[in-house]
PDB file of N, CA and C in Angstrom:
ATOM      1  N   LEU A   1      56.290 127.539  93.560  1.00  0.00           N
ATOM      2  CA  LEU A   1      56.829 126.557  93.225  1.00  0.00           C
ATOM      3  C   LEU A   1      58.428 126.473  93.965  1.00  0.00           C
ATOM      4  N   SER A   2      58.743 125.379  93.974  1.00  0.00           N
ATOM      5  CA  SER A   2      60.018 124.792  94.934  1.00  0.00           C
ATOM      6  C   SER A   2      61.095 124.952  93.764  1.00  0.00           C
ATOM      7  N   LEU A   3      62.504 125.157  94.176  1.00  0.00           N
ATOM      8  CA  LEU A   3      62.944 124.536  92.514  1.00  0.00           C
ATOM      9  C   LEU A   3      63.650 123.174  92.635  1.00  0.00           C
ATOM     10  N   GLY A   4      63.904 122.786  93.985  1.00  0.00           N
ATOM     11  CA  GLY A   4      64.319 121.729  94.181  1.00  0.00           C
ATOM     12  C   GLY A   4      63.409 120.291  94.539  1.00  0.00           C
ATOM     13  N   ALA A   5      62.147 120.483  94.091  1.00  0.00           N
ATOM     14  CA  ALA A   5      61.127 119.681  94.323  1.00  0.00           C
ATOM     15  C   ALA A   5      61.444 118.201  93.582  1.00  0.00           C
ATOM     16  N   GLY A   6      62.121 118.019  92.441  1.00  0.00           N
ATOM     17  CA  GLY A   6      62.267 117.339  91.774  1.00  0.00           C
ATOM     18  C   GLY A   6      63.730 116.031  92.273  1.00  0.00           C
ATOM     19  N   ILE A   7      64.378 117.183  92.957  1.00  0.00           N
ATOM     20  CA  ILE A   7      65.600 116.153  93.382  1.00  0.00           C
ATOM     21  C   ILE A   7      65.235 116.102  94.883  1.00  0.00           C
ATOM     22  N   ALA A   8      65.290 114.818  95.099  1.00  0.00           N
ATOM     23  CA  ALA A   8      65.268 113.660  96.477  1.00  0.00           C
ATOM     24  C   ALA A   8      66.523 114.161  97.330  1.00  0.00           C
ATOM     25  N   SER A   9      66.566 114.918  98.316  1.00  0.00           N
ATOM     26  CA  SER A   9      67.730 114.872  99.521  1.00  0.00           C
ATOM     27  C   SER A   9      68.367 113.929 100.039  1.00  0.00           C
ATOM     28  N   PRO A  10      69.333 113.192  99.947  1.00  0.00           N
ATOM     29  CA  PRO A  10      69.569 112.117 100.812  1.00  0.00           C
ATOM     30  C   PRO A  10      69.661 112.420 102.204  1.00  0.00           C
ATOM     31  N   GLN A  11      69.164 111.265 102.833  1.00  0.00           N
ATOM     32  CA  GLN A  11      68.654 111.474 104.309  1.00  0.00           C
ATOM     33  C   GLN A  11      69.794 110.636 104.548  1.00  0.00           C
ATOM     34  N   ILE A  12      71.253 111.017 105.105  1.00  0.00           N
ATOM     35  CA  ILE A  12      72.075 109.826 105.723  1.00  0.00           C
ATOM     36  C   ILE A  12      72.146 109.593 107.251  1.00  0.00           C
ATOM     37  N   ARG A  13      72.025 108.342 107.519  1.00  0.00           N
ATOM     38  CA  ARG A  13      71.898 108.226 109.180  1.00  0.00           C
ATOM     39  C   ARG A  13      73.274 107.182 109.542  1.00  0.00           C
ATOM     40  N   ILE A  14      73.635 107.449 110.639  1.00  0.00           N
ATOM     41  CA  ILE A  14      74.589 106.803 111.247  1.00  0.00           C
ATOM     42  C   ILE A  14      74.459 105.229 111.102  1.00  0.00           C
ATOM     43  N   GLY A  15      73.251 104.702 110.946  1.00  0.00           N
ATOM     44  CA  GLY A  15      72.922 103.339 111.129  1.00  0.00           C
ATOM     45  C   GLY A  15      73.530 102.800 109.791  1.00  0.00           C
ATOM     46  N   ASN A  16      72.763 103.870 108.391  1.00  0.00           N
ATOM     47  CA  ASN A  16      73.585 103.122 107.262  1.00  0.00           C
ATOM     48  C   ASN A  16      75.070 103.077 107.412  1.00  0.00           C
ATOM     49  N   TYR A  17      75.718 103.758 108.170  1.00  0.00           N
ATOM     50  CA  TYR A  17      77.290 103.649 107.955  1.00  0.00           C
ATOM     51  C   TYR A  17      77.744 102.120 108.371  1.00  0.00           C
ATOM     52  N   ILE A  18      77.133 101.987 109.605  1.00  0.00           N
ATOM     53  CA  ILE A  18      77.329 100.897 110.441  1.00  0.00           C
ATOM     54  C   ILE A  18      76.987  99.668 109.777  1.00  0.00           C
ATOM     55  N   SER A  19      75.754  99.435 108.698  1.00  0.00           N
ATOM     56  CA  SER A  19      75.723  98.649 108.179  1.00  0.00           C
ATOM     57  C   SER A  19      76.406  98.529 107.228  1.00  0.00           C
ATOM     58  N   LEU A  20      77.186  99.546 106.427  1.00  0.00           N
ATOM     59  CA  LEU A  20      77.961  99.374 105.199  1.00  0.00           C
ATOM     60  C   LEU A  20      79.215  98.881 105.735  1.00  0.00           C
ATOM     61  N   VAL A  21      79.791  99.345 106.942  1.00  0.00           N
ATOM     62  CA  VAL A  21      81.078  99.253 107.638  1.00  0.00           C
ATOM     63  C   VAL A  21      80.876  97.490 107.972  1.00  0.00           C
ATOM     64  N   ALA A  22      79.985  96.932 108.830  1.00  0.00           N
ATOM     65  CA  ALA A  22      79.962  95.693 108.986  1.00  0.00           C
ATOM     66  C   ALA A  22      79.875  95.037 107.893  1.00  0.00           C
ATOM     67  N   ARG A  23      79.019  95.276 106.341  1.00  0.00           N
ATOM     68  CA  ARG A  23      78.959  94.293 105.396  1.00  0.00           C
ATOM     69  C   ARG A  23      80.662  94.296 104.530  1.00  0.00           C
ATOM     70  N   LEU A  24      81.071  95.560 104.838  1.00  0.00           N
ATOM     71  CA  LEU A  24      82.343  95.201 104.161  1.00  0.00           C
ATOM     72  C   LEU A  24      83.587  94.811 105.088  1.00  0.00           C
ATOM     73  N   LEU A  25      83.245  94.740 106.244  1.00  0.00           N
ATOM     74  CA  LEU A  25      84.569  93.731 106.958  1.00  0.00           C
ATOM     75  C   LEU A  25      83.939  92.586 106.556  1.00  0.00           C
ATOM     76  N   LEU A  26      82.826  91.927 106.094  1.00  0.00           N
ATOM     77  CA  LEU A  26      82.013  90.423 106.424  1.00  0.00           C
ATOM     78  C   LEU A  26      83.016  90.129 104.880  1.00  0.00           C
ATOM     79  N   ALA A  27      82.578  90.773 104.098  1.00  0.00           N
ATOM     80  CA  ALA A  27      83.288  90.742 102.601  1.00  0.00           C
ATOM     81  C   ALA A  27      84.706  90.461 102.630  1.00  0.00           C
ATOM     82  N   ILE A  28      85.521  91.483 103.151  1.00  0.00           N
ATOM     83  CA  ILE A  28      86.851  91.087 103.496  1.00  0.00           C
ATOM     84  C   ILE A  28      87.350  90.124 104.046  1.00  0.00           C
ATOM     85  N   GLY A  29      86.775  89.595 105.101  1.00  0.00           N
ATOM     86  CA  GLY A  29      86.975  88.648 105.787  1.00  0.00           C
ATOM     87  C   GLY A  29      86.540  87.450 105.195  1.00  0.00           C
ATOM     88  N   LEU A  30      85.263  86.850 104.252  1.00  0.00           N
ATOM     89  CA  LEU A  30      85.331  86.392 103.332  1.00  0.00           C
ATOM     90  C   LEU A  30      86.386  86.172 102.055  1.00  0.00           C
ATOM     91  N   VAL A  31      86.826  87.136 101.705  1.00  0.00           N
ATOM     92  CA  VAL A  31      87.655  87.145 100.557  1.00  0.00           C
ATOM     93  C   VAL A  31      89.062  86.410 101.188  1.00  0.00           C
ATOM     94  N   PHE A  32      89.830  87.286 101.915  1.00  0.00           N
ATOM     95  CA  PHE A  32      91.068  87.270 102.821  1.00  0.00           C
ATOM     96  C   PHE A  32      91.568  85.982 103.700  1.00  0.00           C
ATOM     97  N   GLY A  33      90.159  85.597 104.673  1.00  0.00           N
ATOM     98  CA  GLY A  33      89.990  84.508 105.311  1.00  0.00           C
ATOM     99  C   GLY A  33      90.538  85.265 106.681  1.00  0.00           C
ATOM    100  N   ALA A  34      90.378  84.507 108.077  1.00  0.00           N
ATOM    101  CA  ALA A  34      90.620  85.302 109.262  1.00  0.00           C
ATOM    102  C   ALA A  34      92.051  85.225 109.404  1.00  0.00           C
ATOM    103  N   ALA A  35      92.933  84.061 108.930  1.00  0.00           N
ATOM    104  CA  ALA A  35      94.614  83.964 109.250  1.00  0.00           C
ATOM    105  C   ALA A  35      94.901  85.253 108.562  1.00  0.00           C
ATOM    106  N   ARG A  36      94.747  85.691 107.297  1.00  0.00           N
ATOM    107  CA  ARG A  36      95.580  86.706 106.585  1.00  0.00           C
ATOM    108  C   ARG A  36      95.366  87.918 107.195  1.00  0.00           C
ATOM    109  N   LEU A  37      94.039  88.365 107.865  1.00  0.00           N
ATOM    110  CA  LEU A  37      93.726  89.450 108.564  1.00  0.00           C
ATOM    111  C   LEU A  37      94.795  90.387 109.181  1.00  0.00           C
ATOM    112  N   PRO A  38      95.447  89.649 109.831  1.00  0.00           N
ATOM    113  CA  PRO A  38      96.266  90.362 111.003  1.00  0.00           C
ATOM    114  C   PRO A  38      97.658  90.686 110.107  1.00  0.00           C
ATOM    115  N   GLN A  39      98.078  89.971 109.014  1.00  0.00           N
ATOM    116  CA  GLN A  39      99.295  90.371 108.290  1.00  0.00           C
ATOM    117  C   GLN A  39      98.707  91.401 107.282  1.00  0.00           C
ATOM    118  N   ILE A  40      97.533  91.905 106.994  1.00  0.00           N
ATOM    119  CA  ILE A  40      97.144  92.734 106.020  1.00  0.00           C
ATOM    120  C   ILE A  40      97.064  94.038 106.429  1.00  0.00           C
ATOM    121  N   GLY A  41      96.779  93.998 108.146  1.00  0.00           N
ATOM    122  CA  GLY A  41      96.726  95.146 109.125  1.00  0.00           C
ATOM    123  C   GLY A  41      97.874  95.221 109.594  1.00  0.00           C
ATOM    124  N   GLU A  42      99.281  94.174 109.185  1.00  0.00           N
ATOM    125  CA  GLU A  42     100.135  95.045 109.609  1.00  0.00           C
ATOM    126  C   GLU A  42     101.225  95.652 108.440  1.00  0.00           C
ATOM    127  N   SER A  43     100.870  95.136 107.419  1.00  0.00           N
ATOM    128  CA  SER A  43     101.178  95.604 106.109  1.00  0.00           C
ATOM    129  C   SER A  43     100.495  97.158 105.571  1.00  0.00           C
ATOM    130  N   LEU A  44      99.620  97.364 106.197  1.00  0.00           N
ATOM    131  CA  LEU A  44      99.077  98.170 106.002  1.00  0.00           C
ATOM    132  C   LEU A  44      99.434  99.560 106.720  1.00  0.00           C
ATOM    133  N   GLY A  45      99.692  99.123 108.368  1.00  0.00           N
ATOM    134  CA  GLY A  45     100.495 100.171 109.147  1.00  0.00           C
ATOM    135  C   GLY A  45     101.691 100.213 108.721  1.00  0.00           C
ATOM    136  N   LYS A  46     102.321  99.538 108.155  1.00  0.00           N
ATOM    137  CA  LYS A  46     103.586  99.980 107.855  1.00  0.00           C
ATOM    138  C   LYS A  46     103.573 100.428 106.377  1.00  0.00           C
ATOM    139  N   ALA A  47     102.769 100.360 105.590  1.00  0.00           N
ATOM    140  CA  ALA A  47     103.031 101.531 104.395  1.00  0.00           C
ATOM    141  C   ALA A  47     102.273 102.698 105.023  1.00  0.00           C
ATOM    142  N   ILE A  48     101.729 103.207 105.721  1.00  0.00           N
ATOM    143  CA  ILE A  48     101.332 104.085 106.261  1.00  0.00           C
ATOM    144  C   ILE A  48     102.335 104.929 107.158  1.00  0.00           C
ATOM    145  N   ARG A  49     103.042 103.934 108.187  1.00  0.00           N
ATOM    146  CA  ARG A  49     104.098 105.074 108.353  1.00  0.00           C
ATOM    147  C   ARG A  49     105.126 105.168 107.371  1.00  0.00           C
ATOM    148  N   ASN A  50     105.450 104.110 106.740  1.00  0.00           N
ATOM    149  CA  ASN A  50     106.549 104.851 105.850  1.00  0.00           C
ATOM    150  C   ASN A  50     106.122 106.003 104.960  1.00  0.00           C
ATOM    151  N   PHE A  51     105.072 105.941 104.546  1.00  0.00           N
ATOM    152  CA  PHE A  51     104.377 107.584 104.020  1.00  0.00           C
ATOM    153  C   PHE A  51     104.307 108.378 104.565  1.00  0.00           C
ATOM    154  N   ARG A  52     104.311 108.439 105.724  1.00  0.00           N
ATOM    155  CA  ARG A  52     104.272 109.583 106.641  1.00  0.00           C
ATOM    156  C   ARG A  52     105.916 109.871 107.006  1.00  0.00           C
ATOM    157  N   LYS A  53     106.438 108.799 107.228  1.00  0.00           N
ATOM    158  CA  LYS A  53     107.925 109.521 107.383  1.00  0.00           C
ATOM    159  C   LYS A  53     108.582 109.874 105.901  1.00  0.00           C
ATOM    160  N   GLY A  54     108.294 109.236 104.970  1.00  0.00           N
ATOM    161  CA  GLY A  54     108.449 109.847 103.469  1.00  0.00           C
ATOM    162  C   GLY A  54     108.199 111.446 103.168  1.00  0.00           C
ATOM    163  N   LEU A  55     106.610 111.677 103.814  1.00  0.00           N
ATOM    164  CA  LEU A  55     106.560 112.860 103.728  1.00  0.00           C
ATOM    165  C   LEU A  55     107.268 114.004 104.706  1.00  0.00           C
ATOM    166  N   SER A  56     107.509 113.605 105.701  1.00  0.00           N
ATOM    167  CA  SER A  56     108.545 114.299 106.869  1.00  0.00           C
ATOM    168  C   SER A  56     109.598 114.138 106.089  1.00  0.00           C
ATOM    169  N   GLY A  57     110.141 113.350 105.641  1.00  0.00           N
ATOM    170  CA  GLY A  57     111.761 113.355 105.191  1.00  0.00           C
ATOM    171  C   GLY A  57     111.691 114.070 104.049  1.00  0.00           C
ATOM    172  N   ASP A  58     111.058 114.599 103.122  1.00  0.00           N
ATOM    173  CA  ASP A  58     111.518 115.827 102.111  1.00  0.00           C
ATOM    174  C   ASP A  58     111.515 117.214 102.949  1.00  0.00           C
ATOM    175  N   ASP A  59     110.869 117.387 103.885  1.00  0.00           N
ATOM    176  CA  ASP A  59     111.228 118.482 104.535  1.00  0.00           C
ATOM    177  C   ASP A  59     112.327 118.723 105.497  1.00  0.00           C
ATOM    178  N   GLU A  60     112.707 117.373 105.966  1.00  0.00           N
ATOM    179  CA  GLU A  60     114.156 117.074 106.367  1.00  0.00           C
ATOM    180  C   GLU A  60     115.425 117.320 105.117  1.00  0.00           C
ATOM    181  N   LYS A  61     115.057 116.658 104.284  1.00  0.00           N
ATOM    182  CA  LYS A  61     115.821 117.411 103.273  1.00  0.00           C
ATOM    183  C   LYS A  61     116.324 118.892 102.452  1.00  0.00           C
ATOM    184  N   LYS A  62     115.057 118.889 102.315  1.00  0.00           N
ATOM    185  CA  LYS A  62     115.134 120.327 102.080  1.00  0.00           C
ATOM    186  C   LYS A  62     115.844 121.518 103.548  1.00  0.00           C
ATOM    187  N   LYS A  63     115.578 121.393 104.454  1.00  0.00           N
ATOM    188  CA  LYS A  63     116.291 121.895 105.696  1.00  0.00           C
ATOM    189  C   LYS A  63     117.738 121.889 105.586  1.00  0.00           C
ATOM    190  N   GLU A  64     118.227 120.183 105.409  1.00  0.00           N
ATOM    191  CA  GLU A  64     119.480 120.000 105.294  1.00  0.00           C
ATOM    192  C   GLU A  64     119.967 120.674 104.011  1.00  0.00           C
ATOM    193  N   GLN A  65     119.595 120.693 102.842  1.00  0.00           N
ATOM    194  CA  GLN A  65     120.005 121.358 101.769  1.00  0.00           C
ATOM    195  C   GLN A  65     120.440 123.012 101.837  1.00  0.00           C
ATOM    196  N   LEU A  66     119.292 123.379 102.520  1.00  0.00           N
ATOM    197  CA  LEU A  66     119.521 124.792 103.238  1.00  0.00           C
ATOM    198  C   LEU A  66     120.750 125.104 104.121  1.00  0.00           C
ATOM    199  N   ASN A  67     120.736 124.168 104.876  1.00  0.00           N
ATOM    200  CA  ASN A  67     121.833 124.455 105.925  1.00  0.00           C
ATOM    201  C   ASN A  67     123.284 124.481 105.206  1.00  0.00           C
ATOM    202  N   ALA A  68     123.387 123.412 104.313  1.00  0.00           N
ATOM    203  CA  ALA A  68     124.452 122.766 103.415  1.00  0.00           C
ATOM    204  C   ALA A  68     124.960 124.087 102.430  1.00  0.00           C
ATOM    205  N   SER A  69     123.745 124.758 102.224  1.00  0.00           N
ATOM    206  CA  SER A  69     123.899 125.884 101.040  1.00  0.00           C
ATOM    207  C   SER A  69     124.649 127.119 101.835  1.00  0.00           C
ATOM    208  N   GLN A  70     124.078 127.318 103.037  1.00  0.00           N
ATOM    209  CA  GLN A  70     124.949 128.390 104.090  1.00  0.00           C
ATOM    210  C   GLN A  70     126.179 128.272 104.407  1.00  0.00           C
ATOM    211  N   ALA A  71     126.533 126.965 104.598  1.00  0.00           N
ATOM    212  CA  ALA A  71     127.689 126.771 105.177  1.00  0.00           C
ATOM    213  C   ALA A  71     128.660 126.787 104.171  1.00  0.00           C
ATOM    214  N   ASP A  72     128.045 126.753 103.026  1.00  0.00           N
ATOM    215  CA  ASP A  72     129.221 126.914 101.601  1.00  0.00           C
ATOM    216  C   ASP A  72     129.345 128.021 101.469  1.00  0.00           C
ATOM    217  N   THR A  73     128.988 129.092 101.600  1.00  0.00           N
ATOM    218  CA  THR A  73     128.746 130.359 101.280  1.00  0.00           C
ATOM    219  C   THR A  73     130.395 131.010 101.651  1.00  0.00           C
ATOM    220  N   PRO A  74     131.102 131.389 100.823  1.00  0.00           N
ATOM    221  CA  PRO A  74     132.632 132.033 101.018  1.00  0.00           C
ATOM    222  C   PRO A  74     132.743 132.938 102.565  1.00  0.00           C
ATOM    223  N   GLU A  75     133.769 132.612 103.091  1.00  0.00           N
ATOM    224  CA  GLU A  75     133.780 133.706 104.267  1.00  0.00           C
ATOM    225  C   GLU A  75     134.788 135.096 103.870  1.00  0.00           C
ATOM    226  N   THR A  76     134.746 135.752 104.678  1.00  0.00           N
ATOM    227  CA  THR A  76     135.489 137.001 103.904  1.00  0.00           C
ATOM    228  C   THR A  76     137.001 136.852 104.613  1.00  0.00           C
ATOM    229  N   THR A  77     137.583 137.250 103.825  1.00  0.00           N
ATOM    230  CA  THR A  77     139.197 137.500 104.194  1.00  0.00           C
ATOM    231  C   THR A  77     139.483 137.660 105.262  1.00  0.00           C
ATOM    232  N   GLU A  78     138.828 138.960 106.224  1.00  0.00           N
ATOM    233  CA  GLU A  78     139.093 139.243 107.243  1.00  0.00           C
ATOM    234  C   GLU A  78     138.817 137.888 108.439  1.00  0.00           C
ATOM    235  N   GLY A  79     137.442 137.224 108.359  1.00  0.00           N
ATOM    236  CA  GLY A  79     137.430 135.858 109.247  1.00  0.00           C
ATOM    237  C   GLY A  79     138.586 134.985 108.748  1.00  0.00           C
ATOM    238  N   LYS A  80     139.029 134.855 107.522  1.00  0.00           N
ATOM    239  CA  LYS A  80     140.089 133.710 107.753  1.00  0.00           C
ATOM    240  C   LYS A  80     141.014 134.347 108.210  1.00  0.00           C
ATOM    241  N   ASN A  81     141.906 135.529 108.226  1.00  0.00           N
ATOM    242  CA  ASN A  81     143.097 135.967 108.915  1.00  0.00           C
ATOM    243  C   ASN A  81     143.000 136.189 110.172  1.00  0.00           C
ATOM    244  N   LYS A  82     141.760 135.846 110.951  1.00  0.00           N
ATOM    245  CA  LYS A  82     141.354 136.442 112.473  1.00  0.00           C
ATOM    246  C   LYS A  82     142.422 135.672 113.000  1.00  0.00           C
ATOM    247  N   GLY A  83     142.656 134.383 112.720  1.00  0.00           N
ATOM    248  CA  GLY A  83     143.417 133.459 114.082  1.00  0.00           C
ATOM    249  C   GLY A  83     144.588 133.455 113.843  1.00  0.00           C
ATOM    250  N   GLY A  84     145.613 134.265 113.352  1.00  0.00           N
ATOM    251  CA  GLY A  84     146.703 134.204 113.863  1.00  0.00           C
ATOM    252  C   GLY A  84     147.821 134.818 112.705  1.00  0.00           C
ATOM    253  N   SER A  85     148.481 133.434 111.946  1.00  0.00           N
ATOM    254  CA  SER A  85     149.431 134.033 111.172  1.00  0.00           C
ATOM    255  C   SER A  85     148.625 134.959 109.569  1.00  0.00           C
ATOM    256  N   ASN A  86     149.841 135.601 109.035  1.00  0.00           N
ATOM    257  CA  ASN A  86     149.421 136.401 108.348  1.00  0.00           C
ATOM    258  C   ASN A  86     149.845 135.338 107.043  1.00  0.00           C
ATOM    259  N   PRO A  87     148.915 135.540 105.899  1.00  0.00           N
ATOM    260  CA  PRO A  87     149.377 134.814 104.703  1.00  0.00           C
ATOM    261  C   PRO A  87     150.809 135.295 103.921  1.00  0.00           C
ATOM    262  N   PRO A  88     151.423 134.191 103.455  1.00  0.00           N
ATOM    263  CA  PRO A  88     152.767 134.739 102.769  1.00  0.00           C
ATOM    264  C   PRO A  88     152.585 135.865 101.457  1.00  0.00           C
ATOM    265  N   ALA A  89     153.813 136.541 101.475  1.00  0.00           N
ATOM    266  CA  ALA A  89     153.387 137.576 100.695  1.00  0.00           C
ATOM    267  C   ALA A  89     154.099 137.177  99.285  1.00  0.00           C
TER     268      ALA A  89
END
């Protein structure tokens, strides 16, 4: 007895994907029309670029905050008085 005898394993072929993509592109062309397809592609490209820029921007903001917090640490009194004049007594 085979445990998986009742379950049909799906046979996925590359031809099925090509056919699916072709039908999908045809449907999109019929819905939006050939004139609007370049506009849709352009806006989709801009959206992807902005999304990627937003993701990398979060990392940059974290680095800037870390650098700012390190710069805000108080200096020692020796470091402040090295440069010359003594503070008034």
